[in-house]
Protein backbone atom coordinates (compact mmCIF):
# COMPACT_ATOMS: atom_id res chain seq x y z
CA MET A 1 -21.66 66.67 -7.04
CA SER A 2 -22.94 63.73 -9.06
CA GLY A 3 -19.85 61.73 -8.06
CA GLY A 4 -19.37 62.29 -4.37
CA VAL A 5 -17.67 64.26 -1.64
CA SER A 6 -16.24 62.58 1.47
CA ASN A 7 -13.66 62.91 4.23
CA VAL A 8 -13.70 66.70 4.43
CA THR A 9 -12.87 68.74 7.53
CA VAL A 10 -13.79 72.42 7.81
CA GLU A 11 -12.38 74.07 10.91
CA ASN A 12 -11.35 77.30 12.60
CA LEU A 13 -13.65 79.64 10.67
CA LEU A 14 -15.21 82.98 11.49
CA ILE A 15 -18.20 83.72 9.28
CA TRP A 16 -19.80 87.16 9.59
CA ASN A 17 -22.49 89.25 7.87
CA SER A 18 -23.68 86.34 5.75
CA ARG A 19 -27.03 84.92 4.65
CA ARG A 20 -25.77 81.34 5.11
CA ALA A 21 -22.71 80.45 7.15
CA VAL A 22 -22.01 76.83 6.14
CA ARG A 23 -24.16 74.81 3.78
CA ILE A 24 -24.46 71.54 1.94
CA LYS A 25 -26.88 71.56 -0.97
CA THR A 26 -28.02 68.86 -3.35
CA ALA A 27 -31.16 67.63 -5.12
CA PRO A 28 -32.89 64.64 -6.66
CA GLY A 29 -31.14 63.79 -9.90
CA ARG A 30 -27.67 64.48 -8.51
CA GLY A 31 -26.86 61.00 -7.26
CA GLY A 32 -23.51 60.54 -5.55
CA TYR A 33 -22.89 61.11 -1.86
CA VAL A 34 -21.85 63.58 0.80
CA ARG A 35 -20.41 61.67 3.75
CA ASP A 36 -17.88 61.88 6.55
CA ILE A 37 -17.90 65.67 6.75
CA THR A 38 -16.63 67.38 9.93
CA TYR A 39 -17.20 71.01 10.88
CA ARG A 40 -15.21 72.06 13.94
CA ASN A 41 -14.55 75.33 15.77
CA LEU A 42 -16.84 77.66 13.83
CA THR A 43 -17.93 81.12 14.92
CA PHE A 44 -20.95 82.87 13.40
CA GLU A 45 -21.53 86.63 13.71
CA ASN A 46 -24.61 88.26 12.25
CA VAL A 47 -25.75 85.44 9.95
CA ARG A 48 -29.26 84.67 8.79
CA VAL A 49 -28.93 80.86 8.90
CA GLY A 50 -25.90 79.25 10.53
CA ILE A 51 -25.94 75.65 9.31
CA VAL A 52 -27.88 74.53 6.23
CA ILE A 53 -28.33 71.13 4.63
CA LYS A 54 -30.76 71.39 1.71
CA THR A 55 -31.85 68.44 -0.43
CA ASP A 56 -34.20 70.21 -2.83
CA TYR A 57 -31.85 72.71 -4.43
CA ASN A 58 -33.01 71.62 -7.92
CA GLU A 59 -30.34 73.18 -10.10
CA HIS A 60 -28.91 71.01 -12.84
CA ALA A 61 -26.28 71.83 -15.46
CA ASP A 62 -28.54 70.55 -18.24
CA GLU A 63 -31.58 68.33 -18.87
CA ARG A 64 -29.57 65.07 -19.17
CA PHE A 65 -29.82 64.01 -15.52
CA ASP A 66 -31.53 60.98 -14.01
CA PRO A 67 -34.35 62.30 -11.78
CA LYS A 68 -34.31 58.99 -9.88
CA ALA A 69 -30.65 59.35 -8.84
CA SER A 70 -30.80 60.30 -5.15
CA PRO A 71 -27.70 61.48 -3.31
CA ILE A 72 -26.70 59.98 0.04
CA LEU A 73 -26.03 62.37 2.92
CA GLU A 74 -24.53 60.77 6.04
CA ASN A 75 -22.00 61.10 8.84
CA ILE A 76 -21.89 64.88 9.15
CA SER A 77 -20.71 66.38 12.44
CA TYR A 78 -20.71 69.88 13.92
CA THR A 79 -18.53 70.42 17.00
CA THR A 80 -17.72 73.62 18.91
CA ILE A 81 -20.05 76.01 17.10
CA HIS A 82 -20.53 79.44 18.68
CA GLY A 83 -21.76 82.84 17.68
CA GLU A 84 -23.98 85.88 18.08
CA GLY A 85 -26.71 87.49 16.01
CA VAL A 86 -27.97 84.32 14.30
CA ARG A 87 -31.60 84.23 13.13
CA VAL A 88 -31.87 80.44 12.58
CA PRO A 89 -28.99 78.36 13.97
CA VAL A 90 -29.71 75.14 12.03
CA GLN A 91 -31.91 74.27 9.06
CA ILE A 92 -31.63 70.68 7.83
CA HIS A 93 -34.07 69.92 5.05
CA GLY A 94 -33.97 66.23 4.20
CA SER A 95 -36.79 64.50 2.36
CA LYS A 96 -38.37 61.07 2.12
CA GLU A 97 -36.25 60.38 -0.97
CA ILE A 98 -33.10 61.99 0.46
CA PRO A 99 -32.98 61.62 4.24
CA VAL A 100 -30.04 63.10 6.14
CA LYS A 101 -28.49 60.38 8.29
CA ASN A 102 -26.15 60.34 11.27
CA VAL A 103 -25.79 64.07 11.91
CA THR A 104 -24.06 64.94 15.19
CA PHE A 105 -24.05 68.21 17.15
CA ARG A 106 -21.74 68.69 20.12
CA ASP A 107 -20.84 71.84 22.07
CA MET A 108 -22.99 74.44 20.36
CA SER A 109 -24.13 77.78 21.72
CA VAL A 110 -25.39 80.41 19.33
CA GLY A 111 -26.70 83.79 20.46
CA LEU A 112 -29.83 84.75 18.62
CA THR A 113 -31.22 87.87 17.03
CA TYR A 114 -34.55 89.31 18.04
CA LYS A 115 -36.17 87.76 14.94
CA LYS A 116 -38.56 84.79 14.95
CA GLN A 117 -37.69 81.08 14.63
CA HIS A 118 -34.90 80.86 17.16
CA ILE A 119 -34.78 77.10 16.90
CA PHE A 120 -33.26 74.28 14.95
CA GLN A 121 -35.42 73.52 11.92
CA CYS A 122 -35.37 69.92 10.68
CA ALA A 123 -37.09 67.49 8.32
CA TYR A 124 -36.18 63.87 7.57
CA VAL A 125 -33.09 63.95 9.76
CA GLN A 126 -31.60 61.22 11.93
CA GLY A 127 -28.76 61.89 14.31
CA ARG A 128 -27.77 62.94 17.79
CA VAL A 129 -26.99 65.80 20.10
CA ILE A 130 -24.24 65.29 22.66
CA GLY A 131 -24.18 67.49 25.74
CA THR A 132 -25.46 71.03 25.96
CA ILE A 133 -26.78 72.71 22.83
CA PHE A 134 -28.33 76.17 22.63
CA PRO A 135 -30.87 76.88 21.36
CA ALA A 136 -32.86 73.68 21.79
CA PRO A 137 -32.23 71.15 19.02
CA CYS A 138 -35.03 69.77 16.86
CA LYS A 139 -36.99 66.80 18.09
CA ASN A 140 -35.61 64.66 15.23
CA LEU A 141 -32.32 64.09 17.07
CA ASP A 142 -31.46 61.64 19.87
CA LEU A 143 -30.12 63.29 23.04
CA TYR A 144 -26.96 62.08 24.81
CA ASP A 145 -25.15 63.41 27.87
CA GLU A 146 -21.49 64.52 27.77
CA GLN A 147 -20.35 60.98 28.62
CA GLY A 148 -22.23 59.55 25.63
CA HIS A 149 -25.12 58.00 27.56
CA LEU A 150 -28.48 58.05 25.80
CA ILE A 151 -30.99 60.35 27.51
CA ARG A 152 -33.83 60.31 24.98
CA ARG A 153 -34.26 58.50 21.69
CA SER A 154 -36.16 60.44 19.05
CA ASP A 155 -39.24 58.95 17.49
CA ALA A 156 -39.63 61.84 15.05
CA GLN A 157 -36.91 61.56 12.40
CA ASN A 158 -39.42 62.36 9.67
CA ALA A 159 -41.07 65.27 11.46
CA THR A 160 -40.76 68.65 9.87
CA ASP A 161 -40.64 72.13 11.34
CA ILE A 162 -39.05 73.98 8.42
CA ASP A 163 -40.04 77.63 8.11
CA TYR A 164 -39.71 78.67 4.48
CA ASP A 165 -40.22 82.36 5.30
CA ILE A 166 -36.80 83.06 6.78
């Protein structure tokens, strides 16, 4: 992924009995970009973490990488996401060096397991939630009603509530 990935649509998936349902992973030293990615009409059944964006994956093919090359992650949307038996619905782990920008959630309702951490988990994320989302989204995201009117602007894009014990 040191070049880039863009203009990808993932839709109409059923993911079951999985540790991670859908994920984007990168790390410092990768460079490149992940942008204009759309996830639509996904169903999760019995998954540990539904949606993952991880910017500290730290695997490299060899030692000849530039540790200062930071990837760009932007314009990622999740629409019509449903499911049952999900421990953590969303975990977006951006960083100061690699923030995740312009993430959108719309029409999401995920039934949860009895386990802990039944919330979105976010760090260094900027984006928005449109309409009704369950469970409650992280405080890093702006809230909009179904008509696209701003309800609350976030002042916590760099806040973190990641639980590394899941």
